[in-house]
Amino acid sequence: MIFGVLALLPGNVVEVMLGETASPEAVAALTHKLGLDQPAWQRYLHWLHGLFTGDLGMSVAYDTPVSELLAERLAVTVPLALMAMALSTVLALGFGLYAASRHNRLGDVGVMAASQVGIALPSFWLAIMLILLMAGILNLLPTSGRSTYGVAGPEQTGFYILDSLLQQNWQAAWDGLRHILLPALALGVNMLGILMRVTRSAILEVMNEEYVTTARAKGLPERKVVWRHVTSNALIPVITVVGLELGTLLSGSIIVETVFVLICADKEINKFH
């Protein structure tokens, strides 16, 4: 549908790219290079063939293969999203369990209020506040780039932390974790608020099940009842929400990556040195 709408739109994209003062020869040459002189159905079939063979074409803006640009961005986005997901899930399980165990008491109200604040906070504003607090005031964590210059070893997969672990460069791996911690926290707070509410609701629902009552009637300690019977069964809806939110993390990380200057920052630094 998108391809069809773009094909029907008026105007010439080549003239927009080259400007109104471009010569007809230049317009014709770029039109042929981009394949825009072919019928729409032929261009679409050509694009489909490239999609299924791994050839996504060349980027008009960067004159670079699109697959290379995607790999370069994914090397930043995927570790950031996974770290944000891990932090959010672990913290949400703890806070959700705490809130459910103190149902309708002060601890429960406090956790639910905090989750609502987490859902409402814009990630870019939180990222700026974290930079001011952790770097400007406390000076604890780095606030830009993916690693300290000169610490990481040679690039193999493009994923800094994974490359450092494969090379057993523990200093570089720790350095990469320190660089990604603040962006992951800023990105994952919204997901944390959602998961806290889901975890609390799931645990409260499971606590009323008959098998939990039976476990208590058998005399099992409350800790075993909670961890073995309640938490394990309450994880089912939590894992479902985690899977759904992972897509949101992957698509919404661009703002946080921009605030923390994660994209291309290290390549520009290396080029300068």
Protein backbone atom coordinates (compact mmCIF):
# COMPACT_ATOMS: atom_id res chain seq x y z
CA MET A 1 0.00 0.00 0.00
CA ILE A 2 2.82 2.41 0.87
CA PHE A 3 4.58 1.64 -2.40
CA GLY A 4 1.38 2.29 -4.34
CA VAL A 5 0.69 5.60 -2.59
CA LEU A 6 4.26 6.81 -3.20
CA ALA A 7 4.00 5.83 -6.86
CA LEU A 8 0.78 7.83 -7.25
CA LEU A 9 2.04 10.99 -5.54
CA PRO A 10 2.66 13.91 -7.91
CA GLY A 11 6.09 15.45 -8.38
CA ASN A 12 9.54 14.15 -9.22
CA VAL A 13 11.69 13.01 -6.32
CA VAL A 14 14.84 13.33 -8.43
CA GLU A 15 14.21 17.02 -9.01
CA VAL A 16 13.66 17.48 -5.28
CA MET A 17 16.98 15.75 -4.54
CA LEU A 18 19.02 17.63 -7.14
CA GLY A 19 17.27 20.98 -6.89
CA GLU A 20 15.49 23.12 -9.43
CA THR A 21 18.74 24.23 -11.08
CA ALA A 22 19.80 20.66 -12.03
CA SER A 23 20.40 20.02 -15.69
CA PRO A 24 18.12 17.60 -17.59
CA GLU A 25 21.12 15.30 -18.12
CA ALA A 26 21.75 15.08 -14.36
CA VAL A 27 18.06 14.42 -13.70
CA ALA A 28 17.97 11.68 -16.34
CA ALA A 29 21.16 10.07 -15.01
CA LEU A 30 19.92 9.92 -11.40
CA THR A 31 16.49 8.74 -12.54
CA HIS A 32 18.13 5.83 -14.37
CA LYS A 33 20.43 5.09 -11.41
CA LEU A 34 17.50 4.88 -9.01
CA GLY A 35 15.46 2.83 -11.49
CA LEU A 36 12.66 5.38 -11.55
CA ASP A 37 12.47 5.21 -15.34
CA GLN A 38 10.97 1.70 -15.04
CA PRO A 39 7.23 0.94 -14.63
CA ALA A 40 5.96 0.85 -11.05
CA TRP A 41 5.15 -2.88 -11.15
CA GLN A 42 8.67 -3.69 -12.35
CA ARG A 43 10.25 -1.57 -9.61
CA TYR A 44 8.09 -3.31 -7.03
CA LEU A 45 9.04 -6.79 -8.22
CA HIS A 46 12.69 -5.73 -8.23
CA TRP A 47 12.34 -4.53 -4.64
CA LEU A 48 10.67 -7.79 -3.58
CA HIS A 49 13.45 -9.82 -5.19
CA GLY A 50 16.06 -7.78 -3.35
CA LEU A 51 14.17 -8.15 -0.07
CA PHE A 52 14.11 -11.95 -0.25
CA THR A 53 17.75 -12.15 -1.39
CA GLY A 54 19.09 -9.80 1.28
CA ASP A 55 19.74 -6.88 -1.07
CA LEU A 56 17.91 -3.87 0.39
CA GLY A 57 19.44 -1.43 -2.07
CA MET A 58 21.47 1.72 -1.53
CA SER A 59 20.59 4.54 0.80
CA VAL A 60 19.88 7.71 -1.14
CA ALA A 61 20.90 9.90 1.79
CA TYR A 62 24.19 8.15 2.67
CA ASP A 63 25.08 6.35 -0.59
CA THR A 64 25.67 3.24 1.51
CA PRO A 65 23.98 -0.19 1.37
CA VAL A 66 20.84 -0.13 3.50
CA SER A 67 21.77 -3.47 5.09
CA GLU A 68 25.01 -1.94 6.43
CA LEU A 69 23.12 1.01 7.88
CA LEU A 70 20.62 -1.33 9.55
CA ALA A 71 23.40 -3.49 11.01
CA GLU A 72 25.18 -0.39 12.31
CA ARG A 73 22.01 0.88 14.03
CA LEU A 74 20.99 -2.54 15.35
CA ALA A 75 24.40 -2.90 17.01
CA VAL A 76 23.32 0.03 19.20
CA THR A 77 19.57 -0.53 19.48
CA VAL A 78 19.47 -4.26 20.26
CA PRO A 79 21.84 -4.22 23.29
CA LEU A 80 20.10 -1.08 24.59
CA ALA A 81 16.64 -2.64 24.27
CA LEU A 82 17.74 -5.94 25.83
CA MET A 83 19.39 -4.16 28.76
CA ALA A 84 16.29 -2.00 29.28
CA MET A 85 14.10 -5.10 29.14
CA ALA A 86 16.27 -6.98 31.65
CA LEU A 87 16.36 -4.09 34.12
CA SER A 88 12.62 -3.48 33.81
CA THR A 89 11.69 -7.14 34.21
CA VAL A 90 13.87 -7.77 37.27
CA LEU A 91 12.79 -4.58 39.05
CA ALA A 92 9.14 -5.09 38.11
CA LEU A 93 9.08 -8.59 39.57
CA GLY A 94 10.52 -7.35 42.85
CA PHE A 95 8.29 -4.31 43.19
CA GLY A 96 5.20 -6.13 41.92
CA LEU A 97 5.67 -8.92 44.44
CA TYR A 98 6.25 -6.38 47.20
CA ALA A 99 3.08 -4.49 46.28
CA ALA A 100 0.96 -7.65 46.07
CA SER A 101 2.19 -8.88 49.45
CA ARG A 102 1.06 -5.56 50.98
CA HIS A 103 -2.25 -5.30 49.15
CA ASN A 104 -4.15 -2.06 49.91
CA ARG A 105 -1.49 -0.95 52.38
CA LEU A 106 0.98 1.92 52.20
CA GLY A 107 3.64 -0.08 50.31
CA ASP A 108 1.12 -1.12 47.67
CA VAL A 109 -0.13 2.44 47.18
CA GLY A 110 3.44 3.74 46.92
CA VAL A 111 4.46 1.19 44.28
CA MET A 112 1.34 1.83 42.21
CA ALA A 113 1.89 5.59 42.39
CA ALA A 114 5.50 5.13 41.30
CA SER A 115 4.41 2.91 38.40
CA GLN A 116 1.97 5.56 37.20
CA VAL A 117 4.72 8.18 37.29
CA GLY A 118 7.01 5.85 35.35
CA ILE A 119 4.38 5.35 32.66
CA ALA A 120 3.79 9.10 32.35
CA LEU A 121 7.43 10.24 32.23
CA PRO A 122 8.74 11.06 28.74
CA SER A 123 11.91 9.08 28.05
CA PHE A 124 13.82 12.07 26.61
CA TRP A 125 13.11 14.20 29.71
CA LEU A 126 14.12 11.38 32.03
CA ALA A 127 17.30 10.87 30.00
CA ILE A 128 18.26 14.52 30.46
CA MET A 129 17.52 14.37 34.19
CA LEU A 130 19.65 11.24 34.56
CA ILE A 131 22.53 12.97 32.76
CA LEU A 132 22.27 15.97 35.09
CA LEU A 133 22.09 13.78 38.20
CA MET A 134 24.49 10.92 37.47
CA ALA A 135 27.09 12.91 35.53
CA GLY A 136 26.60 16.56 36.37
CA ILE A 137 26.12 16.15 40.13
CA LEU A 138 27.29 12.68 41.20
CA ASN A 139 29.80 12.04 38.38
CA LEU A 140 29.18 8.30 38.53
CA LEU A 141 28.41 7.13 34.98
CA PRO A 142 29.34 8.21 31.44
CA THR A 143 26.64 9.96 29.45
CA SER A 144 27.64 9.60 25.79
CA GLY A 145 29.05 7.03 23.39
CA ARG A 146 29.19 3.26 23.75
CA SER A 147 32.70 2.94 25.19
CA THR A 148 35.67 4.90 26.37
CA TYR A 149 38.13 5.58 23.57
CA GLY A 150 41.01 3.09 23.54
CA VAL A 151 39.38 0.56 25.88
CA ALA A 152 37.47 -1.65 23.42
CA GLY A 153 39.38 -4.18 21.34
CA PRO A 154 39.02 -4.86 17.60
CA GLU A 155 35.45 -4.96 16.32
CA GLN A 156 34.13 -8.40 15.33
CA THR A 157 30.35 -8.46 15.49
CA GLY A 158 29.69 -4.74 15.98
CA PHE A 159 28.23 -5.39 19.45
CA TYR A 160 30.78 -3.85 21.81
CA ILE A 161 29.92 -5.81 24.94
CA LEU A 162 29.70 -9.14 23.07
CA ASP A 163 33.01 -8.48 21.30
CA SER A 164 34.66 -7.68 24.64
CA LEU A 165 33.34 -10.89 26.21
CA LEU A 166 34.52 -12.97 23.26
CA GLN A 167 37.97 -11.39 23.55
CA GLN A 168 37.91 -11.82 27.36
CA ASN A 169 38.49 -8.10 27.70
CA TRP A 170 36.65 -7.71 31.00
CA GLN A 171 37.58 -4.06 31.38
CA ALA A 172 36.02 -3.22 28.03
CA ALA A 173 32.92 -5.29 28.83
CA TRP A 174 32.44 -3.46 32.13
CA ASP A 175 33.06 -0.16 30.39
CA GLY A 176 30.39 -0.98 27.79
CA LEU A 177 27.90 -1.89 30.53
CA ARG A 178 28.56 1.40 32.31
CA HIS A 179 27.95 3.34 29.10
CA ILE A 180 24.67 1.56 28.35
CA LEU A 181 23.24 1.59 31.87
CA LEU A 182 21.84 5.14 31.90
CA PRO A 183 20.28 4.92 28.41
CA ALA A 184 18.73 1.55 29.30
CA LEU A 185 17.29 2.97 32.50
CA ALA A 186 15.84 5.98 30.70
CA LEU A 187 14.35 3.75 28.01
CA GLY A 188 13.01 1.09 30.36
CA VAL A 189 11.23 3.20 33.00
CA ASN A 190 8.01 3.30 30.99
CA MET A 191 8.09 -0.48 30.55
CA LEU A 192 8.94 -0.84 34.26
CA GLY A 193 5.78 1.02 35.25
CA ILE A 194 3.64 -1.20 33.02
CA LEU A 195 5.24 -4.44 34.21
CA MET A 196 4.91 -3.47 37.88
CA ARG A 197 1.14 -3.15 37.49
CA VAL A 198 0.86 -6.35 35.46
CA THR A 199 3.00 -8.30 37.95
CA ARG A 200 1.00 -7.06 40.93
CA SER A 201 -2.31 -7.94 39.28
CA ALA A 202 -1.08 -11.39 38.20
CA ILE A 203 0.24 -12.25 41.66
CA LEU A 204 -2.97 -11.10 43.37
CA GLU A 205 -4.99 -13.22 40.97
CA VAL A 206 -2.85 -16.33 41.52
CA MET A 207 -2.94 -15.91 45.31
CA ASN A 208 -6.68 -16.60 45.25
CA GLU A 209 -6.30 -19.89 43.38
CA GLU A 210 -7.22 -23.14 45.12
CA TYR A 211 -3.79 -24.74 44.74
CA VAL A 212 -2.24 -21.85 46.67
CA THR A 213 -4.77 -22.33 49.46
CA THR A 214 -3.98 -26.06 49.44
CA ALA A 215 -0.25 -25.37 49.66
CA ARG A 216 -0.80 -23.15 52.69
CA ALA A 217 -3.09 -25.78 54.25
CA LYS A 218 -0.30 -28.36 53.92
CA GLY A 219 1.86 -26.17 56.12
CA LEU A 220 4.37 -25.00 53.53
CA PRO A 221 6.32 -21.89 54.55
CA GLU A 222 4.96 -18.68 53.05
CA ARG A 223 8.21 -18.08 51.18
CA LYS A 224 7.95 -21.41 49.35
CA VAL A 225 4.29 -20.79 48.60
CA VAL A 226 5.08 -17.41 47.08
CA TRP A 227 8.11 -18.44 45.01
CA ARG A 228 7.18 -22.00 44.00
CA HIS A 229 3.43 -21.70 43.43
CA VAL A 230 2.52 -18.03 43.11
CA THR A 231 5.39 -16.32 41.30
CA SER A 232 6.06 -19.08 38.76
CA ASN A 233 2.42 -19.11 37.62
CA ALA A 234 2.11 -15.33 37.70
CA LEU A 235 5.00 -15.01 35.23
CA ILE A 236 2.86 -16.15 32.28
CA PRO A 237 1.09 -12.80 31.64
CA VAL A 238 4.26 -10.91 32.59
CA ILE A 239 6.31 -12.71 29.93
CA THR A 240 3.56 -12.00 27.37
CA VAL A 241 3.70 -8.27 28.11
CA VAL A 242 7.52 -8.32 28.01
CA GLY A 243 7.41 -9.77 24.50
CA LEU A 244 4.94 -7.12 23.36
CA GLU A 245 6.92 -4.29 24.94
CA LEU A 246 10.19 -5.42 23.36
CA GLY A 247 8.93 -4.17 20.01
CA THR A 248 8.15 -0.82 21.59
CA LEU A 249 11.65 -0.62 23.03
CA LEU A 250 13.24 -1.38 19.66
CA SER A 251 11.16 1.20 17.82
CA GLY A 252 11.23 3.91 20.49
CA SER A 253 14.91 3.93 21.40
CA ILE A 254 15.94 6.48 18.76
CA ILE A 255 15.19 9.45 21.04
CA VAL A 256 17.23 8.03 23.93
CA GLU A 257 20.05 7.08 21.55
CA THR A 258 20.12 10.65 20.28
CA VAL A 259 20.18 12.18 23.78
CA PHE A 260 23.07 9.94 24.83
CA VAL A 261 24.86 10.30 21.46
CA LEU A 262 25.07 6.54 20.95
CA ILE A 263 24.71 6.44 17.16
CA CYS A 264 27.99 6.85 15.25
CA ALA A 265 29.63 8.61 18.18
CA ASP A 266 32.46 6.11 18.52
CA LYS A 267 33.20 6.02 14.77
CA GLU A 268 33.45 9.79 14.65
CA ILE A 269 35.79 9.79 17.65
CA ASN A 270 37.99 7.10 16.10
CA LYS A 271 38.05 8.99 12.80
CA PHE A 272 39.16 12.14 14.62
CA HIS A 273 41.98 10.33 16.46
